[in-house]
Every structure is written in C-alpha cells, then in structure tokens.
Amino acid sequence: MRFFVWLLRAFIFFSLFAFSLHNQHPATLNWAFGYAWNAPMVFMVLAAFAAGTAFGVLAMAPSWWKQRRLARQLAPETPPAKPASPSTDTPEPPPVIPDGV
C-alpha cells in the first residue's frame, strides 16, 4: 500500500513540475491605478496558491482558538482514578493485529 501512496505522490509531483515547465511564458497582472506585475505564469499561480492558503489559515484561526479554549475548559485537571481490580483476575491478552499492520 505504501508503494501506491509513493507512486501517487510521485505522479502529483511530476505533473506539477511539468505544469510549471510548460507555463514559463511571461504574463502581466494588471492592478488598479495602472500598476502591473510582469512575471512568469508559474510564479503568478504559485503566488495565488500561497495567498489562498494564507487566507484560509487566517480565516480559520479564530475558530481554532475558540475550540482550543473550550477544550481546555472541559478537560479534567487530573485523569480519573481506575478502580482497583482483584489480583485473581487474569489480564486480557493484547489484541492481535493481522499481517503486522
């Protein structure tokens, strides 16, 4: 299974690499007030991806902080004590994992 995961990763990497090699043509991004950015297309796509990722992380940060604060409030201070078991009980055998997975 790990082989197929690495094969998929290699396919994605080489597909993106080929995409970047085929999109090295200069492009112009026109901003407001006459500003323009001239760069290869691959840099513009990379910048748009990075900006979208940063925006998504920043948009989710307040929700993550709220959930983290709530989890801290609901978490017990100390772990609950386990009930004492008689010494005559035999311990359960560990679960068997098939095929070493």
C-alpha atoms as a PDB file:
ATOM      1  CA  MET A   1       0.000   0.000   0.000  1.00  0.00           C
ATOM      2  CA  ARG A   2       2.853   2.372   0.798  1.00  0.00           C
ATOM      3  CA  PHE A   3       4.218   1.787  -2.682  1.00  0.00           C
ATOM      4  CA  PHE A   4       0.992   3.047  -4.244  1.00  0.00           C
ATOM      5  CA  VAL A   5       0.957   6.109  -1.988  1.00  0.00           C
ATOM      6  CA  TRP A   6       4.516   6.981  -3.038  1.00  0.00           C
ATOM      7  CA  LEU A   7       3.599   6.314  -6.652  1.00  0.00           C
ATOM      8  CA  LEU A   8       0.671   8.726  -6.335  1.00  0.00           C
ATOM      9  CA  ARG A   9       2.904  11.340  -4.708  1.00  0.00           C
ATOM     10  CA  ALA A  10       5.483  10.973  -7.487  1.00  0.00           C
ATOM     11  CA  PHE A  11       2.755  11.335 -10.113  1.00  0.00           C
ATOM     12  CA  ILE A  12       1.439  14.514  -8.489  1.00  0.00           C
ATOM     13  CA  PHE A  13       4.945  15.961  -8.149  1.00  0.00           C
ATOM     14  CA  PHE A  14       5.916  15.274 -11.757  1.00  0.00           C
ATOM     15  CA  SER A  15       2.571  16.559 -13.020  1.00  0.00           C
ATOM     16  CA  LEU A  16       3.060  19.846 -11.155  1.00  0.00           C
ATOM     17  CA  PHE A  17       6.674  20.003 -12.313  1.00  0.00           C
ATOM     18  CA  ALA A  18       5.612  19.558 -15.936  1.00  0.00           C
ATOM     19  CA  PHE A  19       2.896  22.191 -15.425  1.00  0.00           C
ATOM     20  CA  SER A  20       5.489  24.665 -14.183  1.00  0.00           C
ATOM     21  CA  LEU A  21       7.845  23.921 -17.088  1.00  0.00           C
ATOM     22  CA  HIS A  22       5.078  24.494 -19.630  1.00  0.00           C
ATOM     23  CA  ASN A  23       3.934  27.771 -18.037  1.00  0.00           C
ATOM     24  CA  GLN A  24       7.106  29.834 -18.061  1.00  0.00           C
ATOM     25  CA  HIS A  25       5.674  32.357 -20.510  1.00  0.00           C
ATOM     26  CA  PRO A  26       5.660  35.938 -19.300  1.00  0.00           C
ATOM     27  CA  ALA A  27       2.320  37.203 -18.098  1.00  0.00           C
ATOM     28  CA  THR A  28       1.070  40.550 -16.916  1.00  0.00           C
ATOM     29  CA  LEU A  29      -1.187  41.001 -13.931  1.00  0.00           C
ATOM     30  CA  ASN A  30      -2.887  44.403 -14.079  1.00  0.00           C
ATOM     31  CA  TRP A  31      -3.750  46.004 -10.754  1.00  0.00           C
ATOM     32  CA  ALA A  32      -5.741  49.135 -10.025  1.00  0.00           C
ATOM     33  CA  PHE A  33      -4.373  52.628 -10.725  1.00  0.00           C
ATOM     34  CA  GLY A  34      -2.156  51.462 -13.582  1.00  0.00           C
ATOM     35  CA  TYR A  35       0.073  49.138 -11.588  1.00  0.00           C
ATOM     36  CA  ALA A  36       1.159  45.946 -13.330  1.00  0.00           C
ATOM     37  CA  TRP A  37       3.196  42.893 -12.382  1.00  0.00           C
ATOM     38  CA  ASN A  38       5.201  41.151 -15.103  1.00  0.00           C
ATOM     39  CA  ALA A  39       6.366  37.647 -14.179  1.00  0.00           C
ATOM     40  CA  PRO A  40       6.294  34.082 -15.470  1.00  0.00           C
ATOM     41  CA  MET A  41       2.863  32.471 -15.241  1.00  0.00           C
ATOM     42  CA  VAL A  42       4.077  29.788 -12.818  1.00  0.00           C
ATOM     43  CA  PHE A  43       5.048  32.469 -10.260  1.00  0.00           C
ATOM     44  CA  MET A  44       1.621  34.038 -10.505  1.00  0.00           C
ATOM     45  CA  VAL A  45      -0.080  30.679  -9.949  1.00  0.00           C
ATOM     46  CA  LEU A  46       2.230  29.958  -7.013  1.00  0.00           C
ATOM     47  CA  ALA A  47       1.517  33.385  -5.509  1.00  0.00           C
ATOM     48  CA  ALA A  48      -2.241  32.871  -5.884  1.00  0.00           C
ATOM     49  CA  PHE A  49      -1.981  29.450  -4.220  1.00  0.00           C
ATOM     50  CA  ALA A  50       0.102  30.844  -1.336  1.00  0.00           C
ATOM     51  CA  ALA A  51      -2.269  33.775  -0.858  1.00  0.00           C
ATOM     52  CA  GLY A  52      -5.288  31.459  -0.818  1.00  0.00           C
ATOM     53  CA  THR A  53      -3.626  29.140   1.690  1.00  0.00           C
ATOM     54  CA  ALA A  54      -2.680  32.039   3.963  1.00  0.00           C
ATOM     55  CA  PHE A  55      -6.190  33.465   3.731  1.00  0.00           C
ATOM     56  CA  GLY A  56      -7.716  30.090   4.613  1.00  0.00           C
ATOM     57  CA  VAL A  57      -5.451  29.606   7.634  1.00  0.00           C
ATOM     58  CA  LEU A  58      -6.087  33.135   8.894  1.00  0.00           C
ATOM     59  CA  ALA A  59      -9.831  32.745   8.383  1.00  0.00           C
ATOM     60  CA  MET A  60      -9.863  29.527  10.439  1.00  0.00           C
ATOM     61  CA  ALA A  61      -7.576  30.765  13.252  1.00  0.00           C
ATOM     62  CA  PRO A  62     -10.319  32.356  15.426  1.00  0.00           C
ATOM     63  CA  SER A  63     -12.376  29.163  15.243  1.00  0.00           C
ATOM     64  CA  TRP A  64      -9.350  27.045  16.167  1.00  0.00           C
ATOM     65  CA  TRP A  65      -8.575  29.320  19.125  1.00  0.00           C
ATOM     66  CA  LYS A  66     -12.163  29.135  20.334  1.00  0.00           C
ATOM     67  CA  GLN A  67     -12.218  25.324  20.089  1.00  0.00           C
ATOM     68  CA  ARG A  68      -8.875  25.083  21.873  1.00  0.00           C
ATOM     69  CA  ARG A  69     -10.084  27.354  24.695  1.00  0.00           C
ATOM     70  CA  LEU A  70     -13.290  25.309  25.014  1.00  0.00           C
ATOM     71  CA  ALA A  71     -11.349  22.032  25.093  1.00  0.00           C
ATOM     72  CA  ARG A  72      -9.119  23.367  27.869  1.00  0.00           C
ATOM     73  CA  GLN A  73     -12.153  24.385  29.917  1.00  0.00           C
ATOM     74  CA  LEU A  74     -13.807  20.981  29.520  1.00  0.00           C
ATOM     75  CA  ALA A  75     -10.671  18.892  30.093  1.00  0.00           C
ATOM     76  CA  PRO A  76     -10.379  17.451  33.618  1.00  0.00           C
ATOM     77  CA  GLU A  77      -7.481  18.650  35.752  1.00  0.00           C
ATOM     78  CA  THR A  78      -6.362  15.130  36.696  1.00  0.00           C
ATOM     79  CA  PRO A  79      -7.105  11.847  34.983  1.00  0.00           C
ATOM     80  CA  PRO A  80      -9.816   9.785  36.700  1.00  0.00           C
ATOM     81  CA  ALA A  81      -8.607   7.025  39.023  1.00  0.00           C
ATOM     82  CA  LYS A  82      -9.064   3.464  37.805  1.00  0.00           C
ATOM     83  CA  PRO A  83     -10.961   1.107  40.087  1.00  0.00           C
ATOM     84  CA  ALA A  84      -8.810  -1.458  41.837  1.00  0.00           C
ATOM     85  CA  SER A  85      -9.128  -4.949  40.404  1.00  0.00           C
ATOM     86  CA  PRO A  86      -8.565  -8.104  42.409  1.00  0.00           C
ATOM     87  CA  SER A  87      -5.249  -9.839  41.840  1.00  0.00           C
ATOM     88  CA  THR A  88      -7.023 -13.101  40.911  1.00  0.00           C
ATOM     89  CA  ASP A  89      -8.185 -11.674  37.586  1.00  0.00           C
ATOM     90  CA  THR A  90      -6.091 -12.655  34.613  1.00  0.00           C
ATOM     91  CA  PRO A  91      -5.114  -9.805  32.346  1.00  0.00           C
ATOM     92  CA  GLU A  92      -6.572  -9.724  28.879  1.00  0.00           C
ATOM     93  CA  PRO A  93      -4.149 -10.694  26.106  1.00  0.00           C
ATOM     94  CA  PRO A  94      -3.111  -7.870  23.803  1.00  0.00           C
ATOM     95  CA  PRO A  95      -5.140  -7.544  20.605  1.00  0.00           C
ATOM     96  CA  VAL A  96      -3.775  -9.409  17.609  1.00  0.00           C
ATOM     97  CA  ILE A  97      -3.051  -7.225  14.615  1.00  0.00           C
ATOM     98  CA  PRO A  98      -3.357  -9.239  11.393  1.00  0.00           C
ATOM     99  CA  ASP A  99      -0.461  -9.121   8.916  1.00  0.00           C
ATOM    100  CA  GLY A 100       1.548  -6.808  11.159  1.00  0.00           C
ATOM    101  CA  VAL A 101      -0.474  -3.755  10.165  1.00  0.00           C
END
